[in-house]
Amino acid sequence: MEARLITLSGRVQGVGFRYHTKTIADQYGIKGYAKNLTADVEVFAQGEVSSLERFTDEVINGPAPASRIDEYTVDSVEPEEKYTDFKTL
């Protein structure tokens, strides 16, 4: 199991971005969260490597139809046992 912290900026708030990210996470069995920051969205995602790669690709390409990703970072982080599903915060 691996984990990633993804920070995305652009048109990512008020367009259903977190909802669509959760839908994708549930499809791939990803655990973690998506939450709004001041102007960005932060996504903590953990799961099996192949699922995590597909999830990351879909998220950085803008999962919500009205979203637009201008910049993003993807950092490898330590998995956390406390996540049992994917939540929007």
PDB file of N, CA and C in Angstrom:
ATOM      1  N   MET A   1       0.841  -1.168   0.000  1.00  0.00           N
ATOM      2  CA  MET A   1       0.000   0.000   0.000  1.00  0.00           C
ATOM      3  C   MET A   1       0.893   1.240   0.000  1.00  0.00           C
ATOM      4  N   GLU A   2       0.471   2.225  -0.775  1.00  0.00           N
ATOM      5  CA  GLU A   2       1.172   3.501  -0.846  1.00  0.00           C
ATOM      6  C   GLU A   2       0.185   4.624  -0.585  1.00  0.00           C
ATOM      7  N   ALA A   3       0.725   5.820  -0.336  1.00  0.00           N
ATOM      8  CA  ALA A   3      -0.130   6.986  -0.110  1.00  0.00           C
ATOM      9  C   ALA A   3       0.471   8.196  -0.806  1.00  0.00           C
ATOM     10  N   ARG A   4      -0.410   9.099  -1.206  1.00  0.00           N
ATOM     11  CA  ARG A   4       0.006  10.338  -1.869  1.00  0.00           C
ATOM     12  C   ARG A   4      -0.789  11.512  -1.323  1.00  0.00           C
ATOM     13  N   LEU A   5      -0.126  12.652  -1.264  1.00  0.00           N
ATOM     14  CA  LEU A   5      -0.776  13.904  -0.920  1.00  0.00           C
ATOM     15  C   LEU A   5      -0.765  14.747  -2.188  1.00  0.00           C
ATOM     16  N   ILE A   6      -1.942  15.059  -2.690  1.00  0.00           N
ATOM     17  CA  ILE A   6      -2.096  15.786  -3.949  1.00  0.00           C
ATOM     18  C   ILE A   6      -2.711  17.143  -3.635  1.00  0.00           C
ATOM     19  N   THR A   7      -2.080  18.207  -4.101  1.00  0.00           N
ATOM     20  CA  THR A   7      -2.627  19.552  -3.942  1.00  0.00           C
ATOM     21  C   THR A   7      -2.889  20.109  -5.331  1.00  0.00           C
ATOM     22  N   LEU A   8      -4.104  20.588  -5.553  1.00  0.00           N
ATOM     23  CA  LEU A   8      -4.509  21.057  -6.875  1.00  0.00           C
ATOM     24  C   LEU A   8      -5.028  22.481  -6.793  1.00  0.00           C
ATOM     25  N   SER A   9      -4.662  23.283  -7.794  1.00  0.00           N
ATOM     26  CA  SER A   9      -5.182  24.651  -7.862  1.00  0.00           C
ATOM     27  C   SER A   9      -5.767  24.893  -9.243  1.00  0.00           C
ATOM     28  N   GLY A  10      -6.595  25.907  -9.315  1.00  0.00           N
ATOM     29  CA  GLY A  10      -7.313  26.231 -10.548  1.00  0.00           C
ATOM     30  C   GLY A  10      -8.775  26.410 -10.190  1.00  0.00           C
ATOM     31  N   ARG A  11      -9.666  25.952 -11.053  1.00  0.00           N
ATOM     32  CA  ARG A  11     -11.098  25.991 -10.749  1.00  0.00           C
ATOM     33  C   ARG A  11     -11.454  24.652 -10.108  1.00  0.00           C
ATOM     34  N   VAL A  12     -11.224  24.578  -8.793  1.00  0.00           N
ATOM     35  CA  VAL A  12     -11.412  23.320  -8.074  1.00  0.00           C
ATOM     36  C   VAL A  12     -12.369  23.443  -6.898  1.00  0.00           C
ATOM     37  N   GLN A  13     -12.910  24.635  -6.661  1.00  0.00           N
ATOM     38  CA  GLN A  13     -13.877  24.812  -5.591  1.00  0.00           C
ATOM     39  C   GLN A  13     -15.183  25.328  -6.171  1.00  0.00           C
ATOM     40  N   GLY A  14     -16.290  24.795  -5.653  1.00  0.00           N
ATOM     41  CA  GLY A  14     -17.601  25.224  -6.118  1.00  0.00           C
ATOM     42  C   GLY A  14     -18.027  24.612  -7.435  1.00  0.00           C
ATOM     43  N   VAL A  15     -17.336  23.553  -7.873  1.00  0.00           N
ATOM     44  CA  VAL A  15     -17.655  22.922  -9.162  1.00  0.00           C
ATOM     45  C   VAL A  15     -17.873  21.412  -9.028  1.00  0.00           C
ATOM     46  N   GLY A  16     -18.016  20.912  -7.788  1.00  0.00           N
ATOM     47  CA  GLY A  16     -18.226  19.481  -7.577  1.00  0.00           C
ATOM     48  C   GLY A  16     -16.956  18.654  -7.601  1.00  0.00           C
ATOM     49  N   PHE A  17     -15.811  19.310  -7.473  1.00  0.00           N
ATOM     50  CA  PHE A  17     -14.528  18.613  -7.575  1.00  0.00           C
ATOM     51  C   PHE A  17     -14.369  17.530  -6.506  1.00  0.00           C
ATOM     52  N   ARG A  18     -14.663  17.869  -5.246  1.00  0.00           N
ATOM     53  CA  ARG A  18     -14.489  16.880  -4.178  1.00  0.00           C
ATOM     54  C   ARG A  18     -15.469  15.718  -4.331  1.00  0.00           C
ATOM     55  N   TYR A  19     -16.696  16.006  -4.705  1.00  0.00           N
ATOM     56  CA  TYR A  19     -17.698  14.954  -4.923  1.00  0.00           C
ATOM     57  C   TYR A  19     -17.224  13.974  -6.008  1.00  0.00           C
ATOM     58  N   HIS A  20     -16.770  14.514  -7.128  1.00  0.00           N
ATOM     59  CA  HIS A  20     -16.308  13.652  -8.223  1.00  0.00           C
ATOM     60  C   HIS A  20     -15.037  12.896  -7.841  1.00  0.00           C
ATOM     61  N   THR A  21     -14.175  13.525  -7.043  1.00  0.00           N
ATOM     62  CA  THR A  21     -12.972  12.845  -6.571  1.00  0.00           C
ATOM     63  C   THR A  21     -13.357  11.658  -5.696  1.00  0.00           C
ATOM     64  N   LYS A  22     -14.353  11.830  -4.842  1.00  0.00           N
ATOM     65  CA  LYS A  22     -14.819  10.718  -4.007  1.00  0.00           C
ATOM     66  C   LYS A  22     -15.380   9.585  -4.859  1.00  0.00           C
ATOM     67  N   THR A  23     -16.128   9.923  -5.893  1.00  0.00           N
ATOM     68  CA  THR A  23     -16.677   8.902  -6.787  1.00  0.00           C
ATOM     69  C   THR A  23     -15.558   8.069  -7.408  1.00  0.00           C
ATOM     70  N   ILE A  24     -14.506   8.732  -7.847  1.00  0.00           N
ATOM     71  CA  ILE A  24     -13.361   8.021  -8.438  1.00  0.00           C
ATOM     72  C   ILE A  24     -12.651   7.184  -7.379  1.00  0.00           C
ATOM     73  N   ALA A  25     -12.478   7.751  -6.183  1.00  0.00           N
ATOM     74  CA  ALA A  25     -11.826   7.009  -5.093  1.00  0.00           C
ATOM     75  C   ALA A  25     -12.594   5.733  -4.776  1.00  0.00           C
ATOM     76  N   ASP A  26     -13.909   5.834  -4.687  1.00  0.00           N
ATOM     77  CA  ASP A  26     -14.735   4.662  -4.390  1.00  0.00           C
ATOM     78  C   ASP A  26     -14.605   3.615  -5.496  1.00  0.00           C
ATOM     79  N   GLN A  27     -14.507   4.056  -6.731  1.00  0.00           N
ATOM     80  CA  GLN A  27     -14.361   3.139  -7.870  1.00  0.00           C
ATOM     81  C   GLN A  27     -13.066   2.329  -7.774  1.00  0.00           C
ATOM     82  N   TYR A  28     -11.984   2.964  -7.297  1.00  0.00           N
ATOM     83  CA  TYR A  28     -10.682   2.297  -7.236  1.00  0.00           C
ATOM     84  C   TYR A  28     -10.326   1.756  -5.857  1.00  0.00           C
ATOM     85  N   GLY A  29     -11.219   1.889  -4.887  1.00  0.00           N
ATOM     86  CA  GLY A  29     -10.937   1.396  -3.541  1.00  0.00           C
ATOM     87  C   GLY A  29      -9.904   2.237  -2.806  1.00  0.00           C
ATOM     88  N   ILE A  30      -9.868   3.522  -3.092  1.00  0.00           N
ATOM     89  CA  ILE A  30      -8.915   4.440  -2.464  1.00  0.00           C
ATOM     90  C   ILE A  30      -9.498   4.950  -1.159  1.00  0.00           C
ATOM     91  N   LYS A  31      -8.657   5.043  -0.146  1.00  0.00           N
ATOM     92  CA  LYS A  31      -9.052   5.559   1.160  1.00  0.00           C
ATOM     93  C   LYS A  31      -8.380   6.911   1.376  1.00  0.00           C
ATOM     94  N   GLY A  32      -9.024   7.801   2.153  1.00  0.00           N
ATOM     95  CA  GLY A  32      -8.423   9.095   2.460  1.00  0.00           C
ATOM     96  C   GLY A  32      -9.459  10.193   2.481  1.00  0.00           C
ATOM     97  N   TYR A  33      -9.110  11.362   1.918  1.00  0.00           N
ATOM     98  CA  TYR A  33     -10.018  12.504   1.950  1.00  0.00           C
ATOM     99  C   TYR A  33      -9.696  13.500   0.853  1.00  0.00           C
ATOM    100  N   ALA A  34     -10.667  14.370   0.587  1.00  0.00           N
ATOM    101  CA  ALA A  34     -10.483  15.556  -0.254  1.00  0.00           C
ATOM    102  C   ALA A  34     -11.057  16.716   0.538  1.00  0.00           C
ATOM    103  N   LYS A  35     -10.273  17.785   0.684  1.00  0.00           N
ATOM    104  CA  LYS A  35     -10.783  18.945   1.422  1.00  0.00           C
ATOM    105  C   LYS A  35     -10.327  20.232   0.771  1.00  0.00           C
ATOM    106  N   ASN A  36     -11.172  21.256   0.943  1.00  0.00           N
ATOM    107  CA  ASN A  36     -10.834  22.582   0.448  1.00  0.00           C
ATOM    108  C   ASN A  36      -9.803  23.224   1.366  1.00  0.00           C
ATOM    109  N   LEU A  37      -8.823  23.860   0.762  1.00  0.00           N
ATOM    110  CA  LEU A  37      -7.904  24.738   1.469  1.00  0.00           C
ATOM    111  C   LEU A  37      -8.361  26.165   1.149  1.00  0.00           C
ATOM    112  N   THR A  38      -7.547  27.151   1.362  1.00  0.00           N
ATOM    113  CA  THR A  38      -7.955  28.523   1.088  1.00  0.00           C
ATOM    114  C   THR A  38      -8.402  28.698  -0.363  1.00  0.00           C
ATOM    115  N   ALA A  39      -7.571  28.296  -1.312  1.00  0.00           N
ATOM    116  CA  ALA A  39      -7.928  28.425  -2.724  1.00  0.00           C
ATOM    117  C   ALA A  39      -7.715  27.128  -3.498  1.00  0.00           C
ATOM    118  N   ASP A  40      -7.189  26.120  -2.838  1.00  0.00           N
ATOM    119  CA  ASP A  40      -6.836  24.856  -3.474  1.00  0.00           C
ATOM    120  C   ASP A  40      -7.671  23.719  -2.894  1.00  0.00           C
ATOM    121  N   VAL A  41      -7.454  22.524  -3.427  1.00  0.00           N
ATOM    122  CA  VAL A  41      -8.016  21.310  -2.842  1.00  0.00           C
ATOM    123  C   VAL A  41      -6.855  20.388  -2.510  1.00  0.00           C
ATOM    124  N   GLU A  42      -6.923  19.795  -1.324  1.00  0.00           N
ATOM    125  CA  GLU A  42      -5.924  18.823  -0.886  1.00  0.00           C
ATOM    126  C   GLU A  42      -6.571  17.451  -0.887  1.00  0.00           C
ATOM    127  N   VAL A  43      -5.864  16.472  -1.448  1.00  0.00           N
ATOM    128  CA  VAL A  43      -6.361  15.099  -1.499  1.00  0.00           C
ATOM    129  C   VAL A  43      -5.306  14.195  -0.875  1.00  0.00           C
ATOM    130  N   PHE A  44      -5.689  13.467   0.159  1.00  0.00           N
ATOM    131  CA  PHE A  44      -4.845  12.411   0.713  1.00  0.00           C
ATOM    132  C   PHE A  44      -5.443  11.110   0.227  1.00  0.00           C
ATOM    133  N   ALA A  45      -4.644  10.315  -0.462  1.00  0.00           N
ATOM    134  CA  ALA A  45      -5.147   9.078  -1.058  1.00  0.00           C
ATOM    135  C   ALA A  45      -4.196   7.936  -0.770  1.00  0.00           C
ATOM    136  N   GLN A  46      -4.743   6.802  -0.375  1.00  0.00           N
ATOM    137  CA  GLN A  46      -3.912   5.617  -0.181  1.00  0.00           C
ATOM    138  C   GLN A  46      -4.626   4.393  -0.715  1.00  0.00           C
ATOM    139  N   GLY A  47      -3.827   3.471  -1.214  1.00  0.00           N
ATOM    140  CA  GLY A  47      -4.379   2.250  -1.772  1.00  0.00           C
ATOM    141  C   GLY A  47      -3.297   1.449  -2.461  1.00  0.00           C
ATOM    142  N   GLU A  48      -3.711   0.426  -3.175  1.00  0.00           N
ATOM    143  CA  GLU A  48      -2.768  -0.389  -3.937  1.00  0.00           C
ATOM    144  C   GLU A  48      -2.164   0.455  -5.052  1.00  0.00           C
ATOM    145  N   VAL A  49      -0.913   0.179  -5.390  1.00  0.00           N
ATOM    146  CA  VAL A  49      -0.157   1.027  -6.311  1.00  0.00           C
ATOM    147  C   VAL A  49      -0.871   1.246  -7.639  1.00  0.00           C
ATOM    148  N   SER A  50      -1.343   0.197  -8.285  1.00  0.00           N
ATOM    149  CA  SER A  50      -1.965   0.363  -9.611  1.00  0.00           C
ATOM    150  C   SER A  50      -3.243   1.193  -9.519  1.00  0.00           C
ATOM    151  N   SER A  51      -4.052   0.963  -8.490  1.00  0.00           N
ATOM    152  CA  SER A  51      -5.279   1.743  -8.304  1.00  0.00           C
ATOM    153  C   SER A  51      -4.956   3.194  -7.984  1.00  0.00           C
ATOM    154  N   LEU A  52      -3.934   3.403  -7.167  1.00  0.00           N
ATOM    155  CA  LEU A  52      -3.537   4.754  -6.784  1.00  0.00           C
ATOM    156  C   LEU A  52      -3.031   5.535  -7.990  1.00  0.00           C
ATOM    157  N   GLU A  53      -2.319   4.880  -8.883  1.00  0.00           N
ATOM    158  CA  GLU A  53      -1.830   5.546 -10.099  1.00  0.00           C
ATOM    159  C   GLU A  53      -2.988   5.962 -10.998  1.00  0.00           C
ATOM    160  N   ARG A  54      -3.956   5.078 -11.198  1.00  0.00           N
ATOM    161  CA  ARG A  54      -5.114   5.418 -12.032  1.00  0.00           C
ATOM    162  C   ARG A  54      -5.925   6.537 -11.397  1.00  0.00           C
ATOM    163  N   PHE A  55      -6.134   6.455 -10.086  1.00  0.00           N
ATOM    164  CA  PHE A  55      -6.854   7.496  -9.368  1.00  0.00           C
ATOM    165  C   PHE A  55      -6.160   8.847  -9.531  1.00  0.00           C
ATOM    166  N   THR A  56      -4.855   8.871  -9.300  1.00  0.00           N
ATOM    167  CA  THR A  56      -4.080  10.118  -9.403  1.00  0.00           C
ATOM    168  C   THR A  56      -4.202  10.709 -10.799  1.00  0.00           C
ATOM    169  N   ASP A  57      -4.079   9.885 -11.831  1.00  0.00           N
ATOM    170  CA  ASP A  57      -4.203  10.369 -13.212  1.00  0.00           C
ATOM    171  C   ASP A  57      -5.564  11.023 -13.447  1.00  0.00           C
ATOM    172  N   GLU A  58      -6.617  10.394 -12.979  1.00  0.00           N
ATOM    173  CA  GLU A  58      -7.958  10.958 -13.192  1.00  0.00           C
ATOM    174  C   GLU A  58      -8.153  12.259 -12.420  1.00  0.00           C
ATOM    175  N   VAL A  59      -7.630  12.325 -11.206  1.00  0.00           N
ATOM    176  CA  VAL A  59      -7.803  13.530 -10.393  1.00  0.00           C
ATOM    177  C   VAL A  59      -7.033  14.715 -10.983  1.00  0.00           C
ATOM    178  N   ILE A  60      -5.811  14.502 -11.426  1.00  0.00           N
ATOM    179  CA  ILE A  60      -5.035  15.630 -11.955  1.00  0.00           C
ATOM    180  C   ILE A  60      -5.517  16.070 -13.334  1.00  0.00           C
ATOM    181  N   ASN A  61      -6.370  15.264 -13.953  1.00  0.00           N
ATOM    182  CA  ASN A  61      -6.960  15.661 -15.231  1.00  0.00           C
ATOM    183  C   ASN A  61      -8.324  16.308 -15.048  1.00  0.00           C
ATOM    184  N   GLY A  62      -8.725  16.542 -13.780  1.00  0.00           N
ATOM    185  CA  GLY A  62      -9.967  17.267 -13.506  1.00  0.00           C
ATOM    186  C   GLY A  62     -11.181  16.377 -13.552  1.00  0.00           C
ATOM    187  N   PRO A  63     -11.571  15.788 -12.419  1.00  0.00           N
ATOM    188  CA  PRO A  63     -12.689  14.848 -12.420  1.00  0.00           C
ATOM    189  C   PRO A  63     -14.060  15.484 -12.624  1.00  0.00           C
ATOM    190  N   ALA A  64     -14.218  16.744 -12.267  1.00  0.00           N
ATOM    191  CA  ALA A  64     -15.520  17.404 -12.416  1.00  0.00           C
ATOM    192  C   ALA A  64     -15.580  18.105 -13.765  1.00  0.00           C
ATOM    193  N   PRO A  65     -16.703  18.001 -14.470  1.00  0.00           N
ATOM    194  CA  PRO A  65     -16.801  18.612 -15.803  1.00  0.00           C
ATOM    195  C   PRO A  65     -16.478  20.110 -15.831  1.00  0.00           C
ATOM    196  N   ALA A  66     -16.828  20.841 -14.774  1.00  0.00           N
ATOM    197  CA  ALA A  66     -16.591  22.294 -14.764  1.00  0.00           C
ATOM    198  C   ALA A  66     -15.247  22.672 -14.146  1.00  0.00           C
ATOM    199  N   SER A  67     -14.470  21.670 -13.709  1.00  0.00           N
ATOM    200  CA  SER A  67     -13.189  21.984 -13.066  1.00  0.00           C
ATOM    201  C   SER A  67     -12.106  22.257 -14.109  1.00  0.00           C
ATOM    202  N   ARG A  68     -11.060  22.942 -13.635  1.00  0.00           N
ATOM    203  CA  ARG A  68      -9.883  23.192 -14.467  1.00  0.00           C
ATOM    204  C   ARG A  68      -8.670  23.159 -13.535  1.00  0.00           C
ATOM    205  N   ILE A  69      -7.726  22.298 -13.829  1.00  0.00           N
ATOM    206  CA  ILE A  69      -6.513  22.192 -13.026  1.00  0.00           C
ATOM    207  C   ILE A  69      -5.431  23.049 -13.684  1.00  0.00           C
ATOM    208  N   ASP A  70      -4.959  24.068 -12.952  1.00  0.00           N
ATOM    209  CA  ASP A  70      -3.874  24.915 -13.446  1.00  0.00           C
ATOM    210  C   ASP A  70      -2.518  24.404 -12.976  1.00  0.00           C
ATOM    211  N   GLU A  71      -2.455  23.978 -11.720  1.00  0.00           N
ATOM    212  CA  GLU A  71      -1.214  23.458 -11.142  1.00  0.00           C
ATOM    213  C   GLU A  71      -1.558  22.354 -10.153  1.00  0.00           C
ATOM    214  N   TYR A  72      -0.602  21.437  -9.970  1.00  0.00           N
ATOM    215  CA  TYR A  72      -0.784  20.397  -8.969  1.00  0.00           C
ATOM    216  C   TYR A  72       0.571  19.892  -8.506  1.00  0.00           C
ATOM    217  N   THR A  73       0.582  19.330  -7.313  1.00  0.00           N
ATOM    218  CA  THR A  73       1.757  18.631  -6.797  1.00  0.00           C
ATOM    219  C   THR A  73       1.297  17.273  -6.307  1.00  0.00           C
ATOM    220  N   VAL A  74       2.158  16.294  -6.460  1.00  0.00           N
ATOM    221  CA  VAL A  74       1.887  14.949  -5.970  1.00  0.00           C
ATOM    222  C   VAL A  74       3.104  14.522  -5.162  1.00  0.00           C
ATOM    223  N   ASP A  75       2.906  14.286  -3.876  1.00  0.00           N
ATOM    224  CA  ASP A  75       3.997  13.872  -2.996  1.00  0.00           C
ATOM    225  C   ASP A  75       3.692  12.507  -2.397  1.00  0.00           C
ATOM    226  N   SER A  76       4.691  11.642  -2.360  1.00  0.00           N
ATOM    227  CA  SER A  76       4.551  10.364  -1.674  1.00  0.00           C
ATOM    228  C   SER A  76       4.638  10.612  -0.180  1.00  0.00           C
ATOM    229  N   VAL A  77       3.719  10.016   0.565  1.00  0.00           N
ATOM    230  CA  VAL A  77       3.678  10.150   2.023  1.00  0.00           C
ATOM    231  C   VAL A  77       3.451   8.765   2.621  1.00  0.00           C
ATOM    232  N   GLU A  78       3.557   8.697   3.934  1.00  0.00           N
ATOM    233  CA  GLU A  78       3.330   7.429   4.631  1.00  0.00           C
ATOM    234  C   GLU A  78       1.831   7.130   4.702  1.00  0.00           C
ATOM    235  N   PRO A  79       1.426   5.889   4.439  1.00  0.00           N
ATOM    236  CA  PRO A  79       0.016   5.515   4.610  1.00  0.00           C
ATOM    237  C   PRO A  79      -0.391   5.672   6.074  1.00  0.00           C
ATOM    238  N   GLU A  80      -1.679   5.906   6.299  1.00  0.00           N
ATOM    239  CA  GLU A  80      -2.212   6.054   7.648  1.00  0.00           C
ATOM    240  C   GLU A  80      -3.336   5.043   7.846  1.00  0.00           C
ATOM    241  N   GLU A  81      -3.238   4.268   8.904  1.00  0.00           N
ATOM    242  CA  GLU A  81      -4.206   3.206   9.192  1.00  0.00           C
ATOM    243  C   GLU A  81      -5.608   3.725   9.484  1.00  0.00           C
ATOM    244  N   LYS A  82      -5.733   4.986   9.898  1.00  0.00           N
ATOM    245  CA  LYS A  82      -7.027   5.488  10.370  1.00  0.00           C
ATOM    246  C   LYS A  82      -8.089   5.635   9.286  1.00  0.00           C
ATOM    247  N   TYR A  83      -7.724   5.595   8.017  1.00  0.00           N
ATOM    248  CA  TYR A  83      -8.703   5.790   6.949  1.00  0.00           C
ATOM    249  C   TYR A  83      -9.309   4.458   6.523  1.00  0.00           C
ATOM    250  N   THR A  84     -10.640   4.369   6.606  1.00  0.00           N
ATOM    251  CA  THR A  84     -11.341   3.147   6.216  1.00  0.00           C
ATOM    252  C   THR A  84     -12.181   3.344   4.962  1.00  0.00           C
ATOM    253  N   ASP A  85     -12.313   4.619   4.526  1.00  0.00           N
ATOM    254  CA  ASP A  85     -13.035   4.941   3.304  1.00  0.00           C
ATOM    255  C   ASP A  85     -12.528   6.286   2.810  1.00  0.00           C
ATOM    256  N   PHE A  86     -13.199   6.873   1.847  1.00  0.00           N
ATOM    257  CA  PHE A  86     -12.799   8.173   1.313  1.00  0.00           C
ATOM    258  C   PHE A  86     -13.871   9.182   1.675  1.00  0.00           C
ATOM    259  N   LYS A  87     -13.458  10.293   2.273  1.00  0.00           N
ATOM    260  CA  LYS A  87     -14.400  11.319   2.734  1.00  0.00           C
ATOM    261  C   LYS A  87     -14.125  12.661   2.050  1.00  0.00           C
ATOM    262  N   THR A  88     -15.169  13.446   1.960  1.00  0.00           N
ATOM    263  CA  THR A  88     -14.992  14.847   1.544  1.00  0.00           C
ATOM    264  C   THR A  88     -15.142  15.683   2.808  1.00  0.00           C
ATOM    265  N   LEU A  89     -14.174  16.532   3.042  1.00  0.00           N
ATOM    266  CA  LEU A  89     -14.163  17.359   4.260  1.00  0.00           C
ATOM    267  C   LEU A  89     -14.401  18.815   3.909  1.00  0.00           C
TER     268      LEU A  89
END
